[in-house]
Amino acid sequence: PIPSLKREMRNLSEECNLEPVTVSMAYVYFEKLVLQGKLNKQNRKLCAGACVLLAAKISSDLRKHEVKHLIDKLEERFRFNRRDLIGFEFTVLVALELALYLPENQVLPHYRWLTQQS
């Protein structure tokens, strides 16, 4: 399920015109949650969605309507309620210990892989 979730994260990010660096950051956040054992069958889609949303907010200068569009797309793609997503965003933020700015060496491998795929 994890590779397919990452594929969905990438596809959704492309639909919303997010930069590859944003997707790379979302992947790193997601992998950190996996390594901490925070993912389970019930929350994995919410985790993926929250990671994309947090990465988009931190790495892009999105306007209010762009954030709303992204949330709409996340809700549609991952089939969860936006209230759940927004509540879970804080849970993910706490699990990541508010460390949303990532060192280049964590983001670069994903970035290289993504740019080679396209």
PDB file of N, CA and C in Angstrom:
ATOM      1  N   PRO A   1       0.806  -1.218   0.000  1.00  0.00           N
ATOM      2  CA  PRO A   1       0.000   0.000   0.000  1.00  0.00           C
ATOM      3  C   PRO A   1       0.848   1.282   0.000  1.00  0.00           C
ATOM      4  N   ILE A   2       2.044   1.245   0.589  1.00  0.00           N
ATOM      5  CA  ILE A   2       2.843   2.475   0.678  1.00  0.00           C
ATOM      6  C   ILE A   2       3.292   2.970  -0.704  1.00  0.00           C
ATOM      7  N   PRO A   3       3.832   2.105  -1.577  1.00  0.00           N
ATOM      8  CA  PRO A   3       4.196   2.612  -2.909  1.00  0.00           C
ATOM      9  C   PRO A   3       2.996   3.174  -3.687  1.00  0.00           C
ATOM     10  N   SER A   4       1.831   2.533  -3.553  1.00  0.00           N
ATOM     11  CA  SER A   4       0.668   3.051  -4.279  1.00  0.00           C
ATOM     12  C   SER A   4       0.201   4.384  -3.680  1.00  0.00           C
ATOM     13  N   LEU A   5       0.324   4.545  -2.376  1.00  0.00           N
ATOM     14  CA  LEU A   5      -0.024   5.831  -1.757  1.00  0.00           C
ATOM     15  C   LEU A   5       0.926   6.925  -2.236  1.00  0.00           C
ATOM     16  N   LYS A   6       2.211   6.590  -2.333  1.00  0.00           N
ATOM     17  CA  LYS A   6       3.184   7.585  -2.806  1.00  0.00           C
ATOM     18  C   LYS A   6       2.900   7.948  -4.268  1.00  0.00           C
ATOM     19  N   ARG A   7       2.479   6.971  -5.055  1.00  0.00           N
ATOM     20  CA  ARG A   7       2.122   7.244  -6.450  1.00  0.00           C
ATOM     21  C   ARG A   7       0.924   8.194  -6.501  1.00  0.00           C
ATOM     22  N   GLU A   8      -0.068   7.937  -5.644  1.00  0.00           N
ATOM     23  CA  GLU A   8      -1.238   8.822  -5.572  1.00  0.00           C
ATOM     24  C   GLU A   8      -0.837  10.230  -5.136  1.00  0.00           C
ATOM     25  N   MET A   9       0.081  10.316  -4.180  1.00  0.00           N
ATOM     26  CA  MET A   9       0.563  11.623  -3.720  1.00  0.00           C
ATOM     27  C   MET A   9       1.195  12.377  -4.892  1.00  0.00           C
ATOM     28  N   ARG A  10       2.005  11.671  -5.678  1.00  0.00           N
ATOM     29  CA  ARG A  10       2.673  12.306  -6.816  1.00  0.00           C
ATOM     30  C   ARG A  10       1.662  12.737  -7.869  1.00  0.00           C
ATOM     31  N   ASN A  11       0.736  11.848  -8.221  1.00  0.00           N
ATOM     32  CA  ASN A  11      -0.260  12.175  -9.246  1.00  0.00           C
ATOM     33  C   ASN A  11      -1.107  13.377  -8.841  1.00  0.00           C
ATOM     34  N   LEU A  12      -1.543  13.380  -7.599  1.00  0.00           N
ATOM     35  CA  LEU A  12      -2.352  14.483  -7.107  1.00  0.00           C
ATOM     36  C   LEU A  12      -1.553  15.792  -7.127  1.00  0.00           C
ATOM     37  N   SER A  13      -0.300  15.718  -6.735  1.00  0.00           N
ATOM     38  CA  SER A  13       0.551  16.910  -6.715  1.00  0.00           C
ATOM     39  C   SER A  13       0.750  17.463  -8.119  1.00  0.00           C
ATOM     40  N   GLU A  14       0.886  16.560  -9.096  1.00  0.00           N
ATOM     41  CA  GLU A  14       1.019  17.013 -10.488  1.00  0.00           C
ATOM     42  C   GLU A  14      -0.260  17.690 -10.960  1.00  0.00           C
ATOM     43  N   GLU A  15      -1.416  17.112 -10.607  1.00  0.00           N
ATOM     44  CA  GLU A  15      -2.708  17.709 -10.974  1.00  0.00           C
ATOM     45  C   GLU A  15      -2.852  19.113 -10.398  1.00  0.00           C
ATOM     46  N   CYS A  16      -2.296  19.324  -9.223  1.00  0.00           N
ATOM     47  CA  CYS A  16      -2.403  20.622  -8.542  1.00  0.00           C
ATOM     48  C   CYS A  16      -1.211  21.529  -8.853  1.00  0.00           C
ATOM     49  N   ASN A  17      -0.376  21.117  -9.795  1.00  0.00           N
ATOM     50  CA  ASN A  17       0.796  21.893 -10.216  1.00  0.00           C
ATOM     51  C   ASN A  17       1.768  22.199  -9.080  1.00  0.00           C
ATOM     52  N   LEU A  18       1.940  21.255  -8.176  1.00  0.00           N
ATOM     53  CA  LEU A  18       2.927  21.430  -7.120  1.00  0.00           C
ATOM     54  C   LEU A  18       4.299  21.040  -7.657  1.00  0.00           C
ATOM     55  N   GLU A  19       5.314  21.685  -7.168  1.00  0.00           N
ATOM     56  CA  GLU A  19       6.683  21.433  -7.620  1.00  0.00           C
ATOM     57  C   GLU A  19       7.180  20.072  -7.134  1.00  0.00           C
ATOM     58  N   PRO A  20       8.107  19.457  -7.874  1.00  0.00           N
ATOM     59  CA  PRO A  20       8.687  18.185  -7.424  1.00  0.00           C
ATOM     60  C   PRO A  20       9.310  18.274  -6.025  1.00  0.00           C
ATOM     61  N   VAL A  21       9.856  19.421  -5.671  1.00  0.00           N
ATOM     62  CA  VAL A  21      10.454  19.559  -4.337  1.00  0.00           C
ATOM     63  C   VAL A  21       9.372  19.433  -3.252  1.00  0.00           C
ATOM     64  N   THR A  22       8.171  19.899  -3.550  1.00  0.00           N
ATOM     65  CA  THR A  22       7.058  19.790  -2.601  1.00  0.00           C
ATOM     66  C   THR A  22       6.675  18.326  -2.403  1.00  0.00           C
ATOM     67  N   VAL A  23       6.593  17.590  -3.506  1.00  0.00           N
ATOM     68  CA  VAL A  23       6.277  16.162  -3.426  1.00  0.00           C
ATOM     69  C   VAL A  23       7.379  15.433  -2.653  1.00  0.00           C
ATOM     70  N   SER A  24       8.614  15.809  -2.911  1.00  0.00           N
ATOM     71  CA  SER A  24       9.755  15.193  -2.220  1.00  0.00           C
ATOM     72  C   SER A  24       9.651  15.400  -0.720  1.00  0.00           C
ATOM     73  N   MET A  25       9.290  16.610  -0.314  1.00  0.00           N
ATOM     74  CA  MET A  25       9.128  16.895   1.110  1.00  0.00           C
ATOM     75  C   MET A  25       7.994  16.059   1.698  1.00  0.00           C
ATOM     76  N   ALA A  26       6.887  15.947   0.966  1.00  0.00           N
ATOM     77  CA  ALA A  26       5.755  15.146   1.437  1.00  0.00           C
ATOM     78  C   ALA A  26       6.178  13.691   1.623  1.00  0.00           C
ATOM     79  N   TYR A  27       6.999  13.178   0.692  1.00  0.00           N
ATOM     80  CA  TYR A  27       7.510  11.811   0.810  1.00  0.00           C
ATOM     81  C   TYR A  27       8.341  11.637   2.077  1.00  0.00           C
ATOM     82  N   VAL A  28       9.194  12.612   2.358  1.00  0.00           N
ATOM     83  CA  VAL A  28      10.048  12.517   3.550  1.00  0.00           C
ATOM     84  C   VAL A  28       9.182  12.523   4.810  1.00  0.00           C
ATOM     85  N   TYR A  29       8.200  13.429   4.862  1.00  0.00           N
ATOM     86  CA  TYR A  29       7.296  13.462   6.023  1.00  0.00           C
ATOM     87  C   TYR A  29       6.614  12.104   6.186  1.00  0.00           C
ATOM     88  N   PHE A  30       6.109  11.576   5.085  1.00  0.00           N
ATOM     89  CA  PHE A  30       5.379  10.309   5.095  1.00  0.00           C
ATOM     90  C   PHE A  30       6.274   9.169   5.583  1.00  0.00           C
ATOM     91  N   GLU A  31       7.489   9.122   5.057  1.00  0.00           N
ATOM     92  CA  GLU A  31       8.419   8.063   5.455  1.00  0.00           C
ATOM     93  C   GLU A  31       8.795   8.161   6.935  1.00  0.00           C
ATOM     94  N   LYS A  32       8.910   9.375   7.439  1.00  0.00           N
ATOM     95  CA  LYS A  32       9.198   9.543   8.864  1.00  0.00           C
ATOM     96  C   LYS A  32       8.069   8.964   9.709  1.00  0.00           C
ATOM     97  N   LEU A  33       6.827   9.186   9.282  1.00  0.00           N
ATOM     98  CA  LEU A  33       5.681   8.630  10.004  1.00  0.00           C
ATOM     99  C   LEU A  33       5.695   7.105   9.942  1.00  0.00           C
ATOM    100  N   VAL A  34       6.055   6.559   8.776  1.00  0.00           N
ATOM    101  CA  VAL A  34       6.146   5.100   8.627  1.00  0.00           C
ATOM    102  C   VAL A  34       7.197   4.556   9.588  1.00  0.00           C
ATOM    103  N   LEU A  35       8.372   5.197   9.608  1.00  0.00           N
ATOM    104  CA  LEU A  35       9.466   4.721  10.463  1.00  0.00           C
ATOM    105  C   LEU A  35       9.134   4.830  11.952  1.00  0.00           C
ATOM    106  N   GLN A  36       8.289   5.798  12.299  1.00  0.00           N
ATOM    107  CA  GLN A  36       7.874   5.937  13.700  1.00  0.00           C
ATOM    108  C   GLN A  36       6.753   4.961  14.069  1.00  0.00           C
ATOM    109  N   GLY A  37       6.270   4.227  13.081  1.00  0.00           N
ATOM    110  CA  GLY A  37       5.175   3.291  13.336  1.00  0.00           C
ATOM    111  C   GLY A  37       3.833   3.971  13.537  1.00  0.00           C
ATOM    112  N   LYS A  38       3.659   5.154  12.981  1.00  0.00           N
ATOM    113  CA  LYS A  38       2.422   5.921  13.169  1.00  0.00           C
ATOM    114  C   LYS A  38       1.318   5.528  12.184  1.00  0.00           C
ATOM    115  N   LEU A  39       1.681   4.796  11.121  1.00  0.00           N
ATOM    116  CA  LEU A  39       0.709   4.448  10.095  1.00  0.00           C
ATOM    117  C   LEU A  39      -0.021   3.158  10.429  1.00  0.00           C
ATOM    118  N   ASN A  40      -1.307   3.161  10.161  1.00  0.00           N
ATOM    119  CA  ASN A  40      -2.083   1.921  10.218  1.00  0.00           C
ATOM    120  C   ASN A  40      -3.112   1.962   9.092  1.00  0.00           C
ATOM    121  N   LYS A  41      -3.845   0.907   8.945  1.00  0.00           N
ATOM    122  CA  LYS A  41      -4.786   0.807   7.823  1.00  0.00           C
ATOM    123  C   LYS A  41      -5.831   1.933   7.858  1.00  0.00           C
ATOM    124  N   GLN A  42      -6.229   2.342   9.047  1.00  0.00           N
ATOM    125  CA  GLN A  42      -7.263   3.366   9.171  1.00  0.00           C
ATOM    126  C   GLN A  42      -6.771   4.772   8.833  1.00  0.00           C
ATOM    127  N   ASN A  43      -5.493   5.068   9.121  1.00  0.00           N
ATOM    128  CA  ASN A  43      -5.047   6.455   8.984  1.00  0.00           C
ATOM    129  C   ASN A  43      -4.060   6.703   7.845  1.00  0.00           C
ATOM    130  N   ARG A  44      -3.684   5.676   7.094  1.00  0.00           N
ATOM    131  CA  ARG A  44      -2.603   5.875   6.114  1.00  0.00           C
ATOM    132  C   ARG A  44      -2.961   6.882   5.021  1.00  0.00           C
ATOM    133  N   LYS A  45      -4.217   6.912   4.584  1.00  0.00           N
ATOM    134  CA  LYS A  45      -4.597   7.895   3.563  1.00  0.00           C
ATOM    135  C   LYS A  45      -4.619   9.303   4.156  1.00  0.00           C
ATOM    136  N   LEU A  46      -5.089   9.414   5.388  1.00  0.00           N
ATOM    137  CA  LEU A  46      -5.063  10.717   6.061  1.00  0.00           C
ATOM    138  C   LEU A  46      -3.627  11.181   6.259  1.00  0.00           C
ATOM    139  N   CYS A  47      -2.738  10.265   6.611  1.00  0.00           N
ATOM    140  CA  CYS A  47      -1.313  10.613   6.757  1.00  0.00           C
ATOM    141  C   CYS A  47      -0.761  11.139   5.443  1.00  0.00           C
ATOM    142  N   ALA A  48      -1.021  10.421   4.359  1.00  0.00           N
ATOM    143  CA  ALA A  48      -0.523  10.834   3.042  1.00  0.00           C
ATOM    144  C   ALA A  48      -1.070  12.209   2.669  1.00  0.00           C
ATOM    145  N   GLY A  49      -2.363  12.399   2.877  1.00  0.00           N
ATOM    146  CA  GLY A  49      -2.983  13.683   2.554  1.00  0.00           C
ATOM    147  C   GLY A  49      -2.431  14.827   3.382  1.00  0.00           C
ATOM    148  N   ALA A  50      -2.268  14.596   4.678  1.00  0.00           N
ATOM    149  CA  ALA A  50      -1.737  15.628   5.565  1.00  0.00           C
ATOM    150  C   ALA A  50      -0.295  15.973   5.191  1.00  0.00           C
ATOM    151  N   CYS A  51       0.486  14.969   4.790  1.00  0.00           N
ATOM    152  CA  CYS A  51       1.876  15.219   4.386  1.00  0.00           C
ATOM    153  C   CYS A  51       1.934  16.102   3.147  1.00  0.00           C
ATOM    154  N   VAL A  52       1.067  15.823   2.173  1.00  0.00           N
ATOM    155  CA  VAL A  52       1.020  16.651   0.958  1.00  0.00           C
ATOM    156  C   VAL A  52       0.596  18.074   1.309  1.00  0.00           C
ATOM    157  N   LEU A  53      -0.419  18.194   2.138  1.00  0.00           N
ATOM    158  CA  LEU A  53      -0.927  19.514   2.520  1.00  0.00           C
ATOM    159  C   LEU A  53       0.139  20.318   3.271  1.00  0.00           C
ATOM    160  N   LEU A  54       0.803  19.702   4.226  1.00  0.00           N
ATOM    161  CA  LEU A  54       1.856  20.398   4.983  1.00  0.00           C
ATOM    162  C   LEU A  54       3.022  20.798   4.078  1.00  0.00           C
ATOM    163  N   ALA A  55       3.428  19.892   3.201  1.00  0.00           N
ATOM    164  CA  ALA A  55       4.534  20.204   2.286  1.00  0.00           C
ATOM    165  C   ALA A  55       4.165  21.353   1.362  1.00  0.00           C
ATOM    166  N   ALA A  56       2.933  21.349   0.876  1.00  0.00           N
ATOM    167  CA  ALA A  56       2.481  22.421  -0.012  1.00  0.00           C
ATOM    168  C   ALA A  56       2.454  23.760   0.719  1.00  0.00           C
ATOM    169  N   LYS A  57       1.996  23.740   1.952  1.00  0.00           N
ATOM    170  CA  LYS A  57       1.916  24.983   2.722  1.00  0.00           C
ATOM    171  C   LYS A  57       3.306  25.530   3.049  1.00  0.00           C
ATOM    172  N   ILE A  58       4.266  24.631   3.304  1.00  0.00           N
ATOM    173  CA  ILE A  58       5.581  25.097   3.745  1.00  0.00           C
ATOM    174  C   ILE A  58       6.485  25.464   2.562  1.00  0.00           C
ATOM    175  N   SER A  59       6.307  24.792   1.414  1.00  0.00           N
ATOM    176  CA  SER A  59       7.258  25.011   0.323  1.00  0.00           C
ATOM    177  C   SER A  59       6.705  25.837  -0.830  1.00  0.00           C
ATOM    178  N   SER A  60       5.423  26.075  -0.847  1.00  0.00           N
ATOM    179  CA  SER A  60       4.820  26.856  -1.930  1.00  0.00           C
ATOM    180  C   SER A  60       4.140  28.078  -1.328  1.00  0.00           C
ATOM    181  N   ASP A  61       4.059  29.110  -2.128  1.00  0.00           N
ATOM    182  CA  ASP A  61       3.332  30.282  -1.628  1.00  0.00           C
ATOM    183  C   ASP A  61       1.907  30.230  -2.190  1.00  0.00           C
ATOM    184  N   LEU A  62       1.148  29.280  -1.643  1.00  0.00           N
ATOM    185  CA  LEU A  62      -0.219  29.063  -2.110  1.00  0.00           C
ATOM    186  C   LEU A  62      -1.147  30.150  -1.603  1.00  0.00           C
ATOM    187  N   ARG A  63      -2.060  30.532  -2.479  1.00  0.00           N
ATOM    188  CA  ARG A  63      -3.114  31.454  -2.069  1.00  0.00           C
ATOM    189  C   ARG A  63      -4.259  30.636  -1.461  1.00  0.00           C
ATOM    190  N   LYS A  64      -5.178  31.344  -0.828  1.00  0.00           N
ATOM    191  CA  LYS A  64      -6.260  30.671  -0.118  1.00  0.00           C
ATOM    192  C   LYS A  64      -7.051  29.736  -1.039  1.00  0.00           C
ATOM    193  N   HIS A  65      -7.377  30.197  -2.254  1.00  0.00           N
ATOM    194  CA  HIS A  65      -8.173  29.352  -3.161  1.00  0.00           C
ATOM    195  C   HIS A  65      -7.365  28.146  -3.647  1.00  0.00           C
ATOM    196  N   GLU A  66      -6.039  28.265  -3.715  1.00  0.00           N
ATOM    197  CA  GLU A  66      -5.199  27.134  -4.120  1.00  0.00           C
ATOM    198  C   GLU A  66      -5.153  26.066  -3.015  1.00  0.00           C
ATOM    199  N   VAL A  67      -5.111  26.516  -1.777  1.00  0.00           N
ATOM    200  CA  VAL A  67      -5.149  25.571  -0.642  1.00  0.00           C
ATOM    201  C   VAL A  67      -6.501  24.856  -0.635  1.00  0.00           C
ATOM    202  N   LYS A  68      -7.568  25.605  -0.864  1.00  0.00           N
ATOM    203  CA  LYS A  68      -8.905  25.008  -0.909  1.00  0.00           C
ATOM    204  C   LYS A  68      -8.984  23.985  -2.040  1.00  0.00           C
ATOM    205  N   HIS A  69      -8.445  24.322  -3.200  1.00  0.00           N
ATOM    206  CA  HIS A  69      -8.439  23.398  -4.344  1.00  0.00           C
ATOM    207  C   HIS A  69      -7.665  22.126  -3.998  1.00  0.00           C
ATOM    208  N   LEU A  70      -6.515  22.290  -3.351  1.00  0.00           N
ATOM    209  CA  LEU A  70      -5.699  21.141  -2.955  1.00  0.00           C
ATOM    210  C   LEU A  70      -6.470  20.253  -1.966  1.00  0.00           C
ATOM    211  N   ILE A  71      -7.123  20.858  -0.997  1.00  0.00           N
ATOM    212  CA  ILE A  71      -7.909  20.094  -0.024  1.00  0.00           C
ATOM    213  C   ILE A  71      -9.051  19.354  -0.732  1.00  0.00           C
ATOM    214  N   ASP A  72      -9.706  20.033  -1.682  1.00  0.00           N
ATOM    215  CA  ASP A  72     -10.774  19.385  -2.464  1.00  0.00           C
ATOM    216  C   ASP A  72     -10.239  18.160  -3.187  1.00  0.00           C
ATOM    217  N   LYS A  73      -9.079  18.309  -3.825  1.00  0.00           N
ATOM    218  CA  LYS A  73      -8.462  17.200  -4.577  1.00  0.00           C
ATOM    219  C   LYS A  73      -8.065  16.056  -3.639  1.00  0.00           C
ATOM    220  N   LEU A  74      -7.493  16.396  -2.486  1.00  0.00           N
ATOM    221  CA  LEU A  74      -7.106  15.377  -1.513  1.00  0.00           C
ATOM    222  C   LEU A  74      -8.329  14.600  -1.035  1.00  0.00           C
ATOM    223  N   GLU A  75      -9.393  15.337  -0.748  1.00  0.00           N
ATOM    224  CA  GLU A  75     -10.635  14.730  -0.263  1.00  0.00           C
ATOM    225  C   GLU A  75     -11.201  13.766  -1.318  1.00  0.00           C
ATOM    226  N   GLU A  76     -11.162  14.209  -2.576  1.00  0.00           N
ATOM    227  CA  GLU A  76     -11.685  13.403  -3.679  1.00  0.00           C
ATOM    228  C   GLU A  76     -10.805  12.171  -3.940  1.00  0.00           C
ATOM    229  N   ARG A  77      -9.498  12.358  -3.979  1.00  0.00           N
ATOM    230  CA  ARG A  77      -8.575  11.280  -4.340  1.00  0.00           C
ATOM    231  C   ARG A  77      -8.485  10.216  -3.248  1.00  0.00           C
ATOM    232  N   PHE A  78      -8.350  10.667  -2.002  1.00  0.00           N
ATOM    233  CA  PHE A  78      -8.148   9.709  -0.907  1.00  0.00           C
ATOM    234  C   PHE A  78      -9.451   9.319  -0.201  1.00  0.00           C
ATOM    235  N   ARG A  79     -10.551   9.930  -0.615  1.00  0.00           N
ATOM    236  CA  ARG A  79     -11.879   9.613  -0.079  1.00  0.00           C
ATOM    237  C   ARG A  79     -11.955   9.715   1.448  1.00  0.00           C
ATOM    238  N   PHE A  80     -11.628  10.889   1.951  1.00  0.00           N
ATOM    239  CA  PHE A  80     -11.832  11.155   3.370  1.00  0.00           C
ATOM    240  C   PHE A  80     -12.469  12.528   3.513  1.00  0.00           C
ATOM    241  N   ASN A  81     -12.930  12.809   4.713  1.00  0.00           N
ATOM    242  CA  ASN A  81     -13.614  14.062   5.001  1.00  0.00           C
ATOM    243  C   ASN A  81     -12.587  15.159   5.280  1.00  0.00           C
ATOM    244  N   ARG A  82     -12.832  16.345   4.754  1.00  0.00           N
ATOM    245  CA  ARG A  82     -11.879  17.456   4.948  1.00  0.00           C
ATOM    246  C   ARG A  82     -11.689  17.805   6.426  1.00  0.00           C
ATOM    247  N   ARG A  83     -12.741  17.653   7.224  1.00  0.00           N
ATOM    248  CA  ARG A  83     -12.593  17.908   8.674  1.00  0.00           C
ATOM    249  C   ARG A  83     -11.577  16.965   9.287  1.00  0.00           C
ATOM    250  N   ASP A  84     -11.655  15.689   8.864  1.00  0.00           N
ATOM    251  CA  ASP A  84     -10.694  14.698   9.362  1.00  0.00           C
ATOM    252  C   ASP A  84      -9.278  15.070   8.934  1.00  0.00           C
ATOM    253  N   LEU A  85      -9.146  15.498   7.685  1.00  0.00           N
ATOM    254  CA  LEU A  85      -7.827  15.880   7.165  1.00  0.00           C
ATOM    255  C   LEU A  85      -7.244  17.045   7.957  1.00  0.00           C
ATOM    256  N   ILE A  86      -8.039  18.068   8.156  1.00  0.00           N
ATOM    257  CA  ILE A  86      -7.536  19.262   8.831  1.00  0.00           C
ATOM    258  C   ILE A  86      -7.205  18.950  10.297  1.00  0.00           C
ATOM    259  N   GLY A  87      -8.002  18.115  10.924  1.00  0.00           N
ATOM    260  CA  GLY A  87      -7.681  17.689  12.290  1.00  0.00           C
ATOM    261  C   GLY A  87      -6.421  16.839  12.332  1.00  0.00           C
ATOM    262  N   PHE A  88      -6.258  15.998  11.328  1.00  0.00           N
ATOM    263  CA  PHE A  88      -5.109  15.095  11.290  1.00  0.00           C
ATOM    264  C   PHE A  88      -3.825  15.821  10.932  1.00  0.00           C
ATOM    265  N   GLU A  89      -3.964  16.954  10.243  1.00  0.00           N
ATOM    266  CA  GLU A  89      -2.793  17.759   9.882  1.00  0.00           C
ATOM    267  C   GLU A  89      -1.998  18.126  11.138  1.00  0.00           C
ATOM    268  N   PHE A  90      -2.689  18.484  12.199  1.00  0.00           N
ATOM    269  CA  PHE A  90      -2.020  18.841  13.442  1.00  0.00           C
ATOM    270  C   PHE A  90      -1.361  17.625  14.078  1.00  0.00           C
ATOM    271  N   THR A  91      -2.030  16.478  14.015  1.00  0.00           N
ATOM    272  CA  THR A  91      -1.473  15.227  14.546  1.00  0.00           C
ATOM    273  C   THR A  91      -0.151  14.897  13.865  1.00  0.00           C
ATOM    274  N   VAL A  92      -0.121  15.059  12.542  1.00  0.00           N
ATOM    275  CA  VAL A  92       1.102  14.791  11.776  1.00  0.00           C
ATOM    276  C   VAL A  92       2.182  15.802  12.143  1.00  0.00           C
ATOM    277  N   LEU A  93       1.785  17.046  12.268  1.00  0.00           N
ATOM    278  CA  LEU A  93       2.727  18.109  12.638  1.00  0.00           C
ATOM    279  C   LEU A  93       3.396  17.794  13.974  1.00  0.00           C
ATOM    280  N   VAL A  94       2.628  17.327  14.933  1.00  0.00           N
ATOM    281  CA  VAL A  94       3.174  16.956  16.246  1.00  0.00           C
ATOM    282  C   VAL A  94       4.088  15.739  16.116  1.00  0.00           C
ATOM    283  N   ALA A  95       3.660  14.739  15.338  1.00  0.00           N
ATOM    284  CA  ALA A  95       4.473  13.530  15.151  1.00  0.00           C
ATOM    285  C   ALA A  95       5.817  13.870  14.497  1.00  0.00           C
ATOM    286  N   LEU A  96       5.811  14.887  13.642  1.00  0.00           N
ATOM    287  CA  LEU A  96       7.056  15.333  12.986  1.00  0.00           C
ATOM    288  C   LEU A  96       7.829  16.312  13.866  1.00  0.00           C
ATOM    289  N   GLU A  97       7.323  16.543  15.070  1.00  0.00           N
ATOM    290  CA  GLU A  97       7.940  17.464  16.038  1.00  0.00           C
ATOM    291  C   GLU A  97       8.127  18.861  15.460  1.00  0.00           C
ATOM    292  N   LEU A  98       7.161  19.292  14.649  1.00  0.00           N
ATOM    293  CA  LEU A  98       7.136  20.612  14.013  1.00  0.00           C
ATOM    294  C   LEU A  98       8.318  20.849  13.061  1.00  0.00           C
ATOM    295  N   ALA A  99       9.057  19.811  12.763  1.00  0.00           N
ATOM    296  CA  ALA A  99      10.262  19.934  11.918  1.00  0.00           C
ATOM    297  C   ALA A  99       9.887  19.817  10.446  1.00  0.00           C
ATOM    298  N   LEU A 100       9.292  20.880   9.896  1.00  0.00           N
ATOM    299  CA  LEU A 100       8.858  20.847   8.504  1.00  0.00           C
ATOM    300  C   LEU A 100       9.939  21.294   7.530  1.00  0.00           C
ATOM    301  N   TYR A 101      10.895  22.065   8.014  1.00  0.00           N
ATOM    302  CA  TYR A 101      12.017  22.442   7.149  1.00  0.00           C
ATOM    303  C   TYR A 101      13.025  21.311   7.207  1.00  0.00           C
ATOM    304  N   LEU A 102      13.272  20.716   6.053  1.00  0.00           N
ATOM    305  CA  LEU A 102      14.094  19.506   5.991  1.00  0.00           C
ATOM    306  C   LEU A 102      15.471  19.792   5.429  1.00  0.00           C
ATOM    307  N   PRO A 103      16.474  19.052   5.903  1.00  0.00           N
ATOM    308  CA  PRO A 103      17.807  19.190   5.312  1.00  0.00           C
ATOM    309  C   PRO A 103      17.787  18.702   3.859  1.00  0.00           C
ATOM    310  N   GLU A 104      18.598  19.335   3.051  1.00  0.00           N
ATOM    311  CA  GLU A 104      18.658  19.017   1.627  1.00  0.00           C
ATOM    312  C   GLU A 104      18.935  17.537   1.376  1.00  0.00           C
ATOM    313  N   ASN A 105      19.793  16.930   2.204  1.00  0.00           N
ATOM    314  CA  ASN A 105      20.168  15.532   1.975  1.00  0.00           C
ATOM    315  C   ASN A 105      19.001  14.563   2.178  1.00  0.00           C
ATOM    316  N   GLN A 106      17.930  14.988   2.844  1.00  0.00           N
ATOM    317  CA  GLN A 106      16.748  14.136   2.982  1.00  0.00           C
ATOM    318  C   GLN A 106      15.810  14.276   1.785  1.00  0.00           C
ATOM    319  N   VAL A 107      15.767  15.469   1.207  1.00  0.00           N
ATOM    320  CA  VAL A 107      14.832  15.760   0.124  1.00  0.00           C
ATOM    321  C   VAL A 107      15.414  15.391  -1.245  1.00  0.00           C
ATOM    322  N   LEU A 108      16.706  15.593  -1.417  1.00  0.00           N
ATOM    323  CA  LEU A 108      17.345  15.435  -2.722  1.00  0.00           C
ATOM    324  C   LEU A 108      17.161  14.073  -3.387  1.00  0.00           C
ATOM    325  N   PRO A 109      17.309  12.950  -2.677  1.00  0.00           N
ATOM    326  CA  PRO A 109      17.118  11.656  -3.358  1.00  0.00           C
ATOM    327  C   PRO A 109      15.731  11.510  -3.993  1.00  0.00           C
ATOM    328  N   HIS A 110      14.699  11.949  -3.272  1.00  0.00           N
ATOM    329  CA  HIS A 110      13.337  11.894  -3.814  1.00  0.00           C
ATOM    330  C   HIS A 110      13.193  12.844  -4.995  1.00  0.00           C
ATOM    331  N   TYR A 111      13.769  14.021  -4.853  1.00  0.00           N
ATOM    332  CA  TYR A 111      13.686  15.030  -5.920  1.00  0.00           C
ATOM    333  C   TYR A 111      14.325  14.500  -7.199  1.00  0.00           C
ATOM    334  N   ARG A 112      15.519  13.912  -7.073  1.00  0.00           N
ATOM    335  CA  ARG A 112      16.189  13.359  -8.243  1.00  0.00           C
ATOM    336  C   ARG A 112      15.351  12.274  -8.899  1.00  0.00           C
ATOM    337  N   TRP A 113      14.799  11.396  -8.069  1.00  0.00           N
ATOM    338  CA  TRP A 113      13.989  10.305  -8.591  1.00  0.00           C
ATOM    339  C   TRP A 113      12.764  10.847  -9.323  1.00  0.00           C
ATOM    340  N   LEU A 114      12.090  11.821  -8.725  1.00  0.00           N
ATOM    341  CA  LEU A 114      10.889  12.392  -9.336  1.00  0.00           C
ATOM    342  C   LEU A 114      11.183  13.090 -10.656  1.00  0.00           C
ATOM    343  N   THR A 115      12.276  13.839 -10.687  1.00  0.00           N
ATOM    344  CA  THR A 115      12.591  14.572 -11.918  1.00  0.00           C
ATOM    345  C   THR A 115      13.067  13.631 -13.023  1.00  0.00           C
ATOM    346  N   GLN A 116      13.639  12.499 -12.664  1.00  0.00           N
ATOM    347  CA  GLN A 116      14.010  11.513 -13.679  1.00  0.00           C
ATOM    348  C   GLN A 116      12.804  10.774 -14.225  1.00  0.00           C
ATOM    349  N   GLN A 117      11.746  10.668 -13.430  1.00  0.00           N
ATOM    350  CA  GLN A 117      10.526   9.970 -13.862  1.00  0.00           C
ATOM    351  C   GLN A 117       9.737  10.766 -14.891  1.00  0.00           C
ATOM    352  N   SER A 118       9.824  12.097 -14.787  1.00  0.00           N
ATOM    353  CA  SER A 118       8.995  12.927 -15.669  1.00  0.00           C
ATOM    354  C   SER A 118       9.695  13.315 -16.941  1.00  0.00           C
TER     355      SER A 118
END
